[in-house]
Protein backbone atom coordinates (compact mmCIF):
# COMPACT_ATOMS: atom_id res chain seq x y z
CA MET A 1 1.75 1.05 -15.62
CA GLY A 2 -1.38 1.43 -13.52
CA LEU A 3 -0.37 -0.99 -10.83
CA ASP A 4 -1.48 -0.84 -7.23
CA LEU A 5 0.46 -2.90 -4.72
CA ILE A 6 -1.94 -4.13 -2.06
CA PRO A 7 -1.10 -5.98 1.18
CA PHE A 8 -3.25 -9.08 1.59
CA GLY A 9 -4.48 -10.18 4.99
CA ARG A 10 -2.31 -12.29 7.27
CA PRO A 11 -3.50 -15.36 9.20
CA LYS A 12 -5.23 -15.05 12.53
CA PRO A 13 -3.34 -16.85 15.32
CA GLY A 14 -4.12 -20.55 15.30
CA HIS A 15 -5.13 -20.61 11.62
CA GLU A 16 -1.70 -20.37 10.01
CA ALA A 17 -1.69 -23.81 8.39
CA GLU A 18 -5.19 -23.50 6.93
CA TRP A 19 -4.45 -19.98 5.71
CA GLU A 20 -1.26 -21.11 3.96
CA GLU A 21 -3.20 -23.89 2.25
CA LEU A 22 -5.82 -21.42 1.02
CA MET A 23 -3.10 -19.08 -0.26
CA LYS A 24 -1.52 -21.74 -2.51
CA THR A 25 -3.91 -20.86 -5.35
CA HIS A 26 -2.86 -17.21 -5.17
CA TYR A 27 0.85 -17.96 -5.07
CA ALA A 28 0.54 -20.35 -8.02
CA GLY A 29 -1.34 -17.80 -10.11
CA GLY A 30 -4.48 -19.91 -10.50
CA PRO A 31 -6.92 -21.52 -10.85
CA GLU A 32 -9.21 -18.77 -9.61
CA GLU A 33 -10.14 -19.00 -5.94
CA THR A 34 -13.66 -20.31 -5.31
CA LYS A 35 -16.13 -18.13 -3.41
CA GLU A 36 -16.20 -20.64 -0.57
CA ALA A 37 -12.41 -20.64 -0.28
CA GLY A 38 -12.25 -16.84 -0.52
CA ASP A 39 -14.87 -16.38 2.18
CA ARG A 40 -13.02 -18.76 4.48
CA ARG A 41 -9.67 -17.08 3.82
CA LEU A 42 -11.12 -13.70 4.72
CA GLU A 43 -12.73 -15.18 7.83
CA ILE A 44 -9.37 -16.36 9.18
CA SER A 45 -7.36 -13.32 8.03
CA ILE A 46 -6.35 -10.08 9.73
CA PRO A 47 -6.71 -7.36 7.08
CA ALA A 48 -3.95 -4.84 6.50
CA HIS A 49 -5.97 -1.86 7.72
CA GLN A 50 -6.07 -3.41 11.19
CA ASP A 51 -2.27 -3.61 11.39
CA VAL A 52 -1.26 0.06 11.26
CA GLY A 53 -2.60 1.38 14.56
CA ALA A 54 -5.38 3.43 12.98
CA PRO A 55 -7.84 5.09 15.39
CA ARG A 56 -11.40 3.74 15.21
CA ILE A 57 -14.72 5.50 15.16
CA GLY A 58 -16.64 4.69 18.32
CA TYR A 59 -13.44 4.00 20.26
CA ASP A 60 -11.12 6.97 19.74
CA ALA A 61 -12.00 10.64 20.15
CA GLU A 62 -9.76 11.64 17.26
CA ALA A 63 -11.54 9.23 14.91
CA ASN A 64 -14.95 10.37 16.16
CA ALA A 65 -14.11 14.01 15.46
CA TRP A 66 -12.80 13.14 11.99
CA GLY A 67 -15.94 11.20 11.16
CA LEU A 68 -18.42 13.71 12.59
CA SER A 69 -16.88 16.49 10.52
CA ARG A 70 -17.83 14.48 7.42
CA ARG A 71 -21.18 12.97 8.44
CA ARG A 72 -24.32 13.28 6.39
CA GLN A 73 -26.57 15.95 7.81
CA ASP A 74 -29.59 13.65 7.82
CA LEU A 75 -27.90 11.60 10.57
CA SER A 76 -27.60 12.70 14.17
CA GLU A 77 -24.20 12.44 15.79
CA ALA A 78 -25.33 9.41 17.79
CA GLU A 79 -26.74 7.69 14.69
CA PHE A 80 -23.57 8.33 12.74
CA LEU A 81 -21.27 7.03 15.47
CA GLU A 82 -23.37 3.90 15.87
CA ARG A 83 -23.49 3.24 12.13
CA MET A 84 -19.74 3.80 11.68
CA LYS A 85 -18.59 2.15 14.92
CA GLY A 86 -15.35 0.21 14.39
CA TYR A 87 -14.30 2.01 11.18
CA TYR A 88 -10.51 2.35 10.96
CA VAL A 89 -9.54 5.90 9.95
CA LEU A 90 -6.37 5.38 7.92
CA GLN A 91 -6.29 9.07 7.06
CA LEU A 92 -5.21 9.76 10.66
CA VAL A 93 -2.27 7.34 10.66
CA LYS A 94 1.04 9.19 10.92
CA ASN A 95 4.68 8.10 10.64
CA CYS A 96 3.87 4.54 9.58
CA ASP A 97 5.88 2.85 6.82
CA GLY A 98 2.81 0.80 5.91
CA VAL A 99 0.81 3.91 4.98
CA SER A 100 2.76 5.80 2.33
CA GLU A 101 2.17 9.15 0.66
CA TYR A 102 2.76 7.27 -2.62
CA SER A 103 -0.67 5.66 -2.50
CA ASN A 104 -3.71 5.67 -4.74
CA GLY A 105 -5.89 4.82 -1.74
CA GLY A 106 -9.44 6.10 -1.95
CA ALA A 107 -9.41 6.57 -5.72
CA TYR A 108 -11.66 3.55 -6.24
CA ASP A 109 -13.13 0.59 -4.35
CA GLY A 110 -10.76 -2.09 -3.12
CA VAL A 111 -7.74 0.17 -2.67
CA ASP A 112 -7.13 1.99 0.60
CA LYS A 113 -4.21 3.95 2.00
CA THR A 114 -2.26 0.81 2.92
CA SER A 115 -1.62 0.37 -0.84
CA PHE A 116 1.39 1.65 -2.80
CA ARG A 117 1.01 3.08 -6.30
CA GLY A 118 3.29 1.01 -8.51
CA SER A 119 3.57 3.66 -11.21
CA PHE A 120 5.86 5.60 -8.87
CA LEU A 121 8.33 2.71 -9.11
CA GLU A 122 8.02 2.94 -12.89
CA ASP A 123 9.45 6.45 -12.56
CA CYS A 124 12.57 4.83 -11.05
CA LYS A 125 13.09 2.42 -13.94
CA GLU A 126 16.53 3.74 -14.91
CA LEU A 127 17.79 3.23 -11.37
CA LEU A 128 16.16 -0.17 -10.84
CA GLY A 129 16.66 -1.84 -14.21
CA GLU A 130 14.14 -4.04 -16.01
CA GLU A 131 14.48 -7.16 -13.86
CA LEU A 132 14.19 -5.53 -10.43
CA LEU A 133 11.36 -3.25 -11.52
CA GLY A 134 9.50 -6.14 -13.12
CA ARG A 135 9.41 -8.05 -9.85
CA ALA A 136 7.10 -5.39 -8.41
CA TRP A 137 4.50 -6.76 -10.84
CA THR A 138 4.51 -10.17 -9.12
CA ARG A 139 0.89 -11.25 -8.91
CA MET A 140 1.26 -12.41 -5.31
CA MET A 141 4.53 -11.93 -3.42
CA LYS A 142 5.10 -14.00 -0.28
CA PRO A 143 5.91 -12.09 2.93
CA ALA A 144 9.56 -13.21 3.05
CA GLU A 145 9.98 -12.24 -0.61
CA ALA A 146 8.46 -8.83 0.14
CA VAL A 147 11.04 -8.22 2.88
CA ALA A 148 13.88 -9.23 0.58
CA TYR A 149 12.55 -7.07 -2.24
CA GLY A 150 12.18 -4.09 0.06
CA ARG A 151 15.80 -4.42 1.11
CA GLU A 152 16.89 -4.49 -2.53
CA LEU A 153 14.98 -1.27 -3.20
CA LEU A 154 16.68 0.38 -0.23
CA ALA A 155 20.08 -0.78 -1.51
CA VAL A 156 19.41 0.86 -4.88
CA ALA A 157 18.34 4.05 -3.08
CA ASP A 158 21.63 4.02 -1.17
CA LYS A 159 23.62 3.66 -4.40
CA ALA A 160 21.71 6.51 -6.01
CA ALA A 161 22.28 8.70 -2.95
CA ALA A 162 26.02 7.96 -3.17
CA GLY A 163 26.07 8.85 -6.86
CA GLU A 164 26.98 5.32 -7.92
CA ILE A 165 23.98 5.13 -10.28
CA LYS A 166 22.18 7.96 -12.05
CA PRO A 167 19.26 8.29 -14.47
CA THR A 168 20.29 9.30 -17.98
CA SER A 169 17.05 10.98 -19.09
CA PRO A 170 15.17 13.98 -17.67
CA GLY A 171 12.76 13.33 -14.84
CA LYS A 172 9.03 13.11 -15.43
CA PRO A 173 6.96 16.27 -15.01
CA LYS A 174 5.56 17.13 -11.58
CA TYR A 175 2.31 19.05 -11.40
CA LYS A 176 0.54 21.50 -9.14
CA LEU A 177 -3.04 22.78 -8.99
CA VAL A 178 -3.62 26.24 -10.45
CA ASP A 179 -7.23 27.42 -10.73
CA ASP A 180 -8.41 23.82 -10.33
CA LYS A 181 -6.18 22.65 -13.19
CA LEU A 182 -3.03 20.56 -13.06
CA VAL A 183 -0.11 22.38 -14.66
CA PRO A 184 3.58 21.38 -14.94
CA ASP A 185 5.57 22.65 -11.98
CA SER A 186 8.98 20.98 -12.15
CA THR A 187 10.53 17.62 -12.98
CA GLU A 188 11.39 14.72 -10.73
CA SER A 189 14.91 15.00 -9.40
CA VAL A 190 17.21 12.19 -8.33
CA ALA A 191 16.28 13.12 -4.75
CA ASP A 192 12.61 12.54 -5.63
CA LEU A 193 13.41 9.11 -7.06
CA ILE A 194 15.46 8.20 -3.98
CA ASP A 195 12.53 9.20 -1.79
CA ILE A 196 10.20 6.95 -3.78
CA LEU A 197 12.57 3.99 -3.52
CA GLN A 198 13.09 4.49 0.20
CA ALA A 199 9.36 4.74 0.83
CA ALA A 200 8.69 1.64 -1.28
CA GLY A 201 11.47 -0.33 0.38
CA ARG A 202 10.21 0.48 3.87
CA TRP A 203 6.66 -0.27 2.77
CA TYR A 204 7.53 -3.76 1.49
CA ILE A 205 9.50 -4.55 4.63
CA PHE A 206 6.74 -3.28 6.93
CA TRP A 207 4.11 -5.57 5.45
CA GLY A 208 6.36 -8.55 4.81
CA GLU A 209 7.68 -8.60 8.37
CA ARG A 210 4.11 -8.68 9.65
CA GLY A 211 3.21 -11.66 7.48
CA HIS A 212 1.23 -9.91 4.76
CA PRO A 213 1.67 -11.06 1.13
CA ILE A 214 1.70 -8.32 -1.51
CA ASN A 215 -0.81 -8.46 -4.35
CA GLY A 216 0.27 -6.73 -7.56
CA TRP A 217 -3.10 -5.56 -8.83
CA SER A 218 -3.37 -3.79 -12.19
């Protein structure tokens, strides 16, 4: 399934009650949020990309260097830094459970590196079972539910690591680039699946503990 799991914004201090009221539509699964309500929700929200300690262009030398190495040549360094001032460089975030290697971030608009690619969890279906896997497809998961779900994923990873549960079918193919083409390299091992579950579990807990709902976007 082509699902991306995306952390929604959390409320700015002092706006918690209003934010919760605006989120009711999302938690209920409809009706669709009005433009006015959506604009107000965004206005009083702290987006996920601001909650991972990413360096910012115009404020951090590391971010400036990253940006300048990719600037358009028709812009001077000063023009580029002014235009991009405040941009959070998620690509430079290291050792953060909220920014996983199992992300589709950057593949298309609306999905950055704070997201988690749900199809990786699909690879773990035989370890998770239908019910637990299906909950990842929740349209909007509340923060407390995200924490609880993350802990369940970690518990399954622990059982798999102890040999208490095992997949019964061969792992999916893994690929590598050869002459600019993707070719089969190996198959996913149980260790690979455990790594996915551990990364996903930590990811859910990271965002849930910080008050971010999780949007299952397919």
